[in-house]
Amino acid sequence: MNNTLKTFVLFGALMALFGALGYLILGGVGGLVFFLVIAGIFNVISYWFSDKIALSMAGAHEVSQEQEPGLHGIVTDVAQLASIPKPRVYVIETESPNAFATGRSPSHAVVAVTSGIRRILTDRELRAVLAHEVGHVRNRDILIGTVAATIAGAISYLQTMLFWGAMFGGGRDRNGNGVVALLATMVGGLVAAILQMAISRTREFQADRSGAEYTHDPEALASALRKISQGVQVRPMEQKPVTQAISSLYIMNPFRGGEGLSNLFSTHPPTEERIRRLDEMAREMGQFPTATDAWRNLG
């Protein structure tokens, strides 16, 4: 299934979920139609303004060529290697190292980096990270990633609203529709989380490969991923609801990682597995030492 079709599937899933909630909460076909209209408006907003929403949630601000000539130079370089228009460049003022790409198409793309990632990476590693983000743009998965994140945020909001509605109004709901609607959003939220996890993990692996192919330097990306992983452990982002909603967009989970089930349900693949795959690419390209050796040496 290509990313355009996946995007329409997500839009359709959101419409179906909102319609079902309207039927349960307001009762009957009237409620279903009312919520479908809301979902339609939401989908239009998601398509045209999802990048602005994500950037606003991240607290990112655009920087000009004059303000950041070095950063713009790297973005120009990797965009040329990927044969796409140069994305706009944004910076997020946080010491937590990370980066993401957003936008509805390659001609409306944005790459954003944190101030923290620029402090810990070399120019070569930063180039590899930006090539990864440009890979998202070239692979046309930035829209689906942003829409999936926006949908997750909307479902989370609905869950909160219905939870308090069930708490304070449940006694007056003779048919139990409020409780049923709350359970429906919980199931919908779980399905959305699983879908978001599958989409995010697949696209991260592909963007790793694409970025390494553009630069012919998988070792640099492996080294950068290791540094980012360590940096996030030391300086994770604050887990605000808005930050959590777009966490899947970042090159690495912006929150302090865990083990076991917390890692199993993460929207990002394990760092070790990403580096292992980059190691295989390095061997295929005949590069020595391998990417895994570079990662271990950083430890």
Protein backbone atom coordinates (compact mmCIF):
# COMPACT_ATOMS: atom_id res chain seq x y z
CA MET A 1 0.00 0.00 0.00
CA ASN A 2 1.55 3.33 -1.05
CA ASN A 3 1.60 6.34 1.24
CA THR A 4 -1.10 8.23 -0.65
CA LEU A 5 -3.51 5.32 -0.17
CA LYS A 6 -2.48 5.01 3.49
CA THR A 7 -3.31 8.68 3.99
CA PHE A 8 -6.82 8.21 2.55
CA VAL A 9 -7.27 5.12 4.75
CA LEU A 10 -6.40 7.24 7.78
CA PHE A 11 -8.84 9.94 6.71
CA GLY A 12 -11.54 7.31 6.24
CA ALA A 13 -10.81 5.72 9.63
CA LEU A 14 -11.15 9.09 11.32
CA MET A 15 -14.47 9.73 9.56
CA ALA A 16 -15.77 6.31 10.64
CA LEU A 17 -14.67 6.80 14.25
CA PHE A 18 -16.19 10.25 14.55
CA GLY A 19 -19.41 9.07 12.91
CA ALA A 20 -19.73 6.16 15.33
CA LEU A 21 -19.12 8.48 18.27
CA GLY A 22 -21.78 10.87 17.01
CA TYR A 23 -24.25 8.01 16.75
CA LEU A 24 -23.46 6.87 20.29
CA ILE A 25 -23.21 10.25 22.01
CA LEU A 26 -26.00 12.25 20.33
CA GLY A 27 -28.05 9.26 19.28
CA GLY A 28 -29.28 8.24 15.86
CA VAL A 29 -28.47 9.29 12.32
CA GLY A 30 -28.52 13.00 13.19
CA GLY A 31 -25.60 12.59 15.56
CA LEU A 32 -23.73 10.48 13.03
CA VAL A 33 -24.12 13.12 10.30
CA PHE A 34 -23.14 15.96 12.65
CA PHE A 35 -19.93 14.24 13.70
CA LEU A 36 -19.14 13.27 10.10
CA VAL A 37 -19.27 16.95 9.17
CA ILE A 38 -16.88 17.73 12.04
CA ALA A 39 -14.57 14.93 10.89
CA GLY A 40 -14.65 16.27 7.32
CA ILE A 41 -13.64 19.72 8.50
CA PHE A 42 -10.92 18.18 10.64
CA ASN A 43 -9.57 16.21 7.68
CA VAL A 44 -9.39 19.34 5.52
CA ILE A 45 -7.52 21.16 8.29
CA SER A 46 -5.19 18.18 8.74
CA TYR A 47 -4.33 18.06 5.04
CA TRP A 48 -3.71 21.77 4.50
CA PHE A 49 -2.39 22.82 7.90
CA SER A 50 -0.91 19.67 9.51
CA ASP A 51 2.63 21.05 9.07
CA LYS A 52 1.76 24.32 10.78
CA ILE A 53 0.03 22.43 13.58
CA ALA A 54 3.05 20.16 14.13
CA LEU A 55 5.51 23.07 14.05
CA SER A 56 3.37 25.04 16.49
CA MET A 57 3.15 22.05 18.84
CA ALA A 58 6.94 21.69 18.68
CA GLY A 59 7.52 25.39 19.35
CA ALA A 60 9.62 25.66 16.17
CA HIS A 61 10.53 28.93 14.45
CA GLU A 62 11.80 29.48 10.92
CA VAL A 63 15.39 30.63 10.38
CA SER A 64 16.66 32.45 7.29
CA GLN A 65 19.76 31.88 5.18
CA GLU A 66 21.33 34.94 6.78
CA GLN A 67 20.62 33.71 10.31
CA GLU A 68 21.83 30.13 9.80
CA PRO A 69 23.98 29.88 6.64
CA GLY A 70 25.66 26.65 7.73
CA LEU A 71 22.39 24.86 8.47
CA HIS A 72 20.84 26.09 5.22
CA GLY A 73 23.93 24.94 3.33
CA ILE A 74 23.57 21.37 4.62
CA VAL A 75 19.84 21.29 3.84
CA THR A 76 20.53 22.56 0.31
CA ASP A 77 23.20 19.90 -0.17
CA VAL A 78 21.09 16.92 0.91
CA ALA A 79 18.01 18.22 -0.97
CA GLN A 80 20.07 18.31 -4.17
CA LEU A 81 21.31 14.78 -3.51
CA ALA A 82 17.70 13.62 -3.14
CA SER A 83 16.55 15.66 -6.18
CA ILE A 84 13.78 17.52 -4.32
CA PRO A 85 13.10 21.23 -3.75
CA LYS A 86 14.90 22.65 -0.74
CA PRO A 87 12.65 22.41 2.36
CA ARG A 88 12.17 25.36 4.66
CA VAL A 89 14.35 25.29 7.75
CA TYR A 90 13.12 25.57 11.34
CA VAL A 91 14.83 25.44 14.73
CA ILE A 92 13.36 24.25 18.05
CA GLU A 93 14.94 25.85 21.11
CA THR A 94 15.48 22.87 23.38
CA GLU A 95 18.58 21.11 24.64
CA SER A 96 17.01 17.71 23.87
CA PRO A 97 18.64 16.48 20.63
CA ASN A 98 16.19 15.65 17.85
CA ALA A 99 14.86 16.54 14.40
CA PHE A 100 11.80 15.96 12.22
CA ALA A 101 10.29 16.72 8.81
CA THR A 102 6.72 17.70 8.01
CA GLY A 103 4.59 19.08 5.18
CA ARG A 104 2.02 17.75 2.73
CA SER A 105 4.41 17.28 -0.24
CA PRO A 106 8.07 17.74 -1.27
CA SER A 107 7.24 21.23 -2.56
CA HIS A 108 5.70 22.18 0.81
CA ALA A 109 8.21 20.50 3.13
CA VAL A 110 9.89 21.64 6.32
CA VAL A 111 12.82 20.22 8.28
CA ALA A 112 13.24 21.18 11.91
CA VAL A 113 16.18 20.56 14.23
CA THR A 114 16.60 21.25 17.91
CA SER A 115 19.35 23.47 19.25
CA GLY A 116 20.45 20.48 21.32
CA ILE A 117 21.17 18.25 18.33
CA ARG A 118 23.41 20.89 16.82
CA ARG A 119 25.51 21.03 19.97
CA ILE A 120 26.31 17.31 20.10
CA LEU A 121 26.67 16.34 16.43
CA THR A 122 29.51 17.02 14.03
CA ASP A 123 28.67 18.59 10.67
CA ARG A 124 29.05 15.17 9.05
CA GLU A 125 26.58 13.59 11.51
CA LEU A 126 24.13 16.51 11.20
CA ARG A 127 24.28 16.11 7.41
CA ALA A 128 23.37 12.44 7.82
CA VAL A 129 20.42 13.30 10.08
CA LEU A 130 19.13 15.93 7.67
CA ALA A 131 19.52 13.43 4.82
CA HIS A 132 17.32 11.06 6.86
CA GLU A 133 14.68 13.80 7.19
CA VAL A 134 14.93 14.62 3.49
CA GLY A 135 14.42 10.89 2.94
CA HIS A 136 11.02 11.25 4.62
CA VAL A 137 10.24 14.09 2.24
CA ARG A 138 11.40 12.23 -0.88
CA ASN A 139 9.53 9.07 0.19
CA ARG A 140 6.36 11.17 0.59
CA ASP A 141 5.60 9.86 4.04
CA ILE A 142 5.73 13.19 5.87
CA LEU A 143 2.02 13.87 5.31
CA ILE A 144 0.90 10.48 6.56
CA GLY A 145 3.17 10.79 9.60
CA THR A 146 1.83 14.23 10.46
CA VAL A 147 -1.79 13.21 9.86
CA ALA A 148 -1.34 10.08 12.01
CA ALA A 149 0.09 12.24 14.80
CA THR A 150 -2.76 14.74 14.49
CA ILE A 151 -5.36 11.95 14.58
CA ALA A 152 -3.73 10.50 17.68
CA GLY A 153 -3.99 13.90 19.35
CA ALA A 154 -7.66 14.24 18.38
CA ILE A 155 -8.53 10.80 19.74
CA SER A 156 -6.67 11.60 22.96
CA TYR A 157 -8.73 14.79 23.31
CA LEU A 158 -11.97 12.86 22.73
CA GLN A 159 -10.99 10.29 25.34
CA THR A 160 -10.39 13.02 27.93
CA MET A 161 -13.69 14.76 27.12
CA LEU A 162 -15.71 11.54 27.25
CA PHE A 163 -13.96 10.36 30.42
CA TRP A 164 -15.06 13.43 32.36
CA GLY A 165 -18.47 13.24 30.72
CA ALA A 166 -18.87 9.66 31.91
CA MET A 167 -17.60 10.57 35.39
CA PHE A 168 -20.01 13.45 35.98
CA GLY A 169 -22.87 12.54 33.66
CA GLY A 170 -22.85 8.77 33.67
CA GLY A 171 -25.52 8.53 36.32
CA ARG A 172 -27.95 10.45 34.12
CA ASP A 173 -27.18 8.36 31.02
CA ARG A 174 -29.79 5.63 31.24
CA ASN A 175 -28.74 3.94 28.06
CA GLY A 176 -25.06 4.04 28.96
CA ASN A 177 -24.20 5.68 25.65
CA GLY A 178 -21.56 7.90 27.23
CA VAL A 179 -19.74 4.90 28.69
CA VAL A 180 -20.05 3.01 25.40
CA ALA A 181 -18.64 6.03 23.54
CA LEU A 182 -15.75 6.24 25.99
CA LEU A 183 -14.97 2.56 25.47
CA ALA A 184 -15.20 3.10 21.71
CA THR A 185 -12.62 5.90 21.82
CA MET A 186 -10.35 3.75 23.99
CA VAL A 187 -10.50 0.96 21.41
CA GLY A 188 -10.10 3.51 18.62
CA GLY A 189 -7.14 5.05 20.41
CA LEU A 190 -5.48 1.63 20.72
CA VAL A 191 -6.05 0.89 17.04
CA ALA A 192 -4.73 4.34 16.10
CA ALA A 193 -1.66 3.82 18.30
CA ILE A 194 -0.90 0.44 16.72
CA LEU A 195 -1.38 1.88 13.22
CA GLN A 196 0.78 4.89 14.06
CA MET A 197 3.48 2.60 15.49
CA ALA A 198 3.52 0.40 12.39
CA ILE A 199 3.64 3.37 10.02
CA SER A 200 6.30 5.17 12.03
CA ARG A 201 8.61 2.17 12.43
CA THR A 202 8.44 1.28 8.75
CA ARG A 203 9.10 4.83 7.59
CA GLU A 204 12.03 5.30 10.02
CA PHE A 205 13.82 2.25 8.62
CA GLN A 206 13.19 3.43 5.07
CA ALA A 207 14.33 7.00 5.82
CA ASP A 208 17.51 5.64 7.42
CA ARG A 209 18.28 3.72 4.24
CA SER A 210 17.34 6.61 1.96
CA GLY A 211 19.45 9.13 3.88
CA ALA A 212 22.45 6.82 3.94
CA GLU A 213 22.11 6.24 0.19
CA TYR A 214 22.00 9.97 -0.56
CA THR A 215 25.17 10.69 1.41
CA HIS A 216 26.88 7.30 0.87
CA ASP A 217 27.71 7.54 4.58
CA PRO A 218 25.71 5.09 6.76
CA GLU A 219 28.41 5.29 9.45
CA ALA A 220 27.68 8.97 10.05
CA LEU A 221 23.98 8.28 10.60
CA ALA A 222 24.75 5.34 12.89
CA SER A 223 27.03 7.57 14.96
CA ALA A 224 24.40 10.33 15.05
CA LEU A 225 21.65 7.94 16.17
CA ARG A 226 23.80 6.71 19.02
CA LYS A 227 24.54 10.27 20.18
CA ILE A 228 20.89 11.29 19.90
CA SER A 229 19.80 8.21 21.87
CA GLN A 230 22.25 9.01 24.65
CA GLY A 231 21.30 12.69 24.57
CA VAL A 232 17.58 11.95 24.91
CA GLN A 233 18.29 9.80 27.95
CA VAL A 234 20.08 12.72 29.58
CA ARG A 235 17.81 15.51 28.32
CA PRO A 236 14.39 14.15 27.33
CA MET A 237 11.66 16.50 26.19
CA GLU A 238 8.95 17.39 28.66
CA GLN A 239 6.02 15.02 28.20
CA LYS A 240 3.28 17.53 27.52
CA PRO A 241 0.15 16.33 25.64
CA VAL A 242 1.09 18.42 22.58
CA THR A 243 4.61 16.98 22.57
CA GLN A 244 3.32 13.42 22.94
CA ALA A 245 0.94 13.88 20.00
CA ILE A 246 3.80 14.58 17.57
CA SER A 247 6.48 12.38 19.16
CA SER A 248 6.32 9.91 16.26
CA LEU A 249 7.51 12.61 13.84
CA TYR A 250 10.95 12.92 15.43
CA ILE A 251 13.94 10.92 14.23
CA MET A 252 13.99 9.34 17.69
CA ASN A 253 11.46 9.10 20.52
CA PRO A 254 11.94 12.43 22.36
CA PHE A 255 11.19 10.90 25.75
CA ARG A 256 13.47 8.82 27.91
CA GLY A 257 13.20 5.29 26.54
CA GLY A 258 12.39 2.15 28.43
CA GLU A 259 12.66 -1.59 28.09
CA GLY A 260 10.21 -4.43 27.66
CA LEU A 261 6.61 -3.46 26.88
CA SER A 262 7.36 0.26 26.73
CA ASN A 263 9.83 -0.42 23.92
CA LEU A 264 7.51 -2.93 22.26
CA PHE A 265 4.79 -0.29 21.80
CA SER A 266 7.15 2.54 20.90
CA THR A 267 6.50 4.38 17.63
CA HIS A 268 10.22 4.16 16.88
CA PRO A 269 12.23 1.02 16.13
CA PRO A 270 15.04 0.11 18.56
CA THR A 271 18.20 2.14 18.00
CA GLU A 272 20.33 -1.01 17.99
CA GLU A 273 18.29 -2.49 15.13
CA ARG A 274 18.55 0.71 13.11
CA ILE A 275 22.32 0.75 13.59
CA ARG A 276 22.56 -2.95 12.71
CA ARG A 277 20.88 -2.26 9.38
CA LEU A 278 23.18 0.69 8.74
CA ASP A 279 26.08 -1.62 9.55
CA GLU A 280 24.90 -3.97 6.79
CA MET A 281 24.74 -1.04 4.37
CA ALA A 282 28.27 -0.01 5.30
CA ARG A 283 29.52 -3.53 4.58
CA GLU A 284 27.67 -3.57 1.26
CA MET A 285 29.41 -0.30 0.37
CA GLY A 286 32.76 -1.71 1.44
CA GLN A 287 33.19 0.82 4.25
CA PHE A 288 35.40 -0.04 7.22
CA PRO A 289 35.27 0.22 10.19
CA THR A 290 31.63 -0.82 10.19
CA ALA A 291 28.80 1.35 11.45
CA THR A 292 28.37 -0.95 14.46
CA ASP A 293 32.03 -0.47 15.39
CA ALA A 294 31.57 3.29 15.17
CA TRP A 295 28.52 3.06 17.44
CA ARG A 296 30.36 0.93 20.01
CA ASN A 297 33.37 3.25 20.02
CA LEU A 298 31.10 6.15 21.00
CA GLY A 299 30.04 4.25 24.10
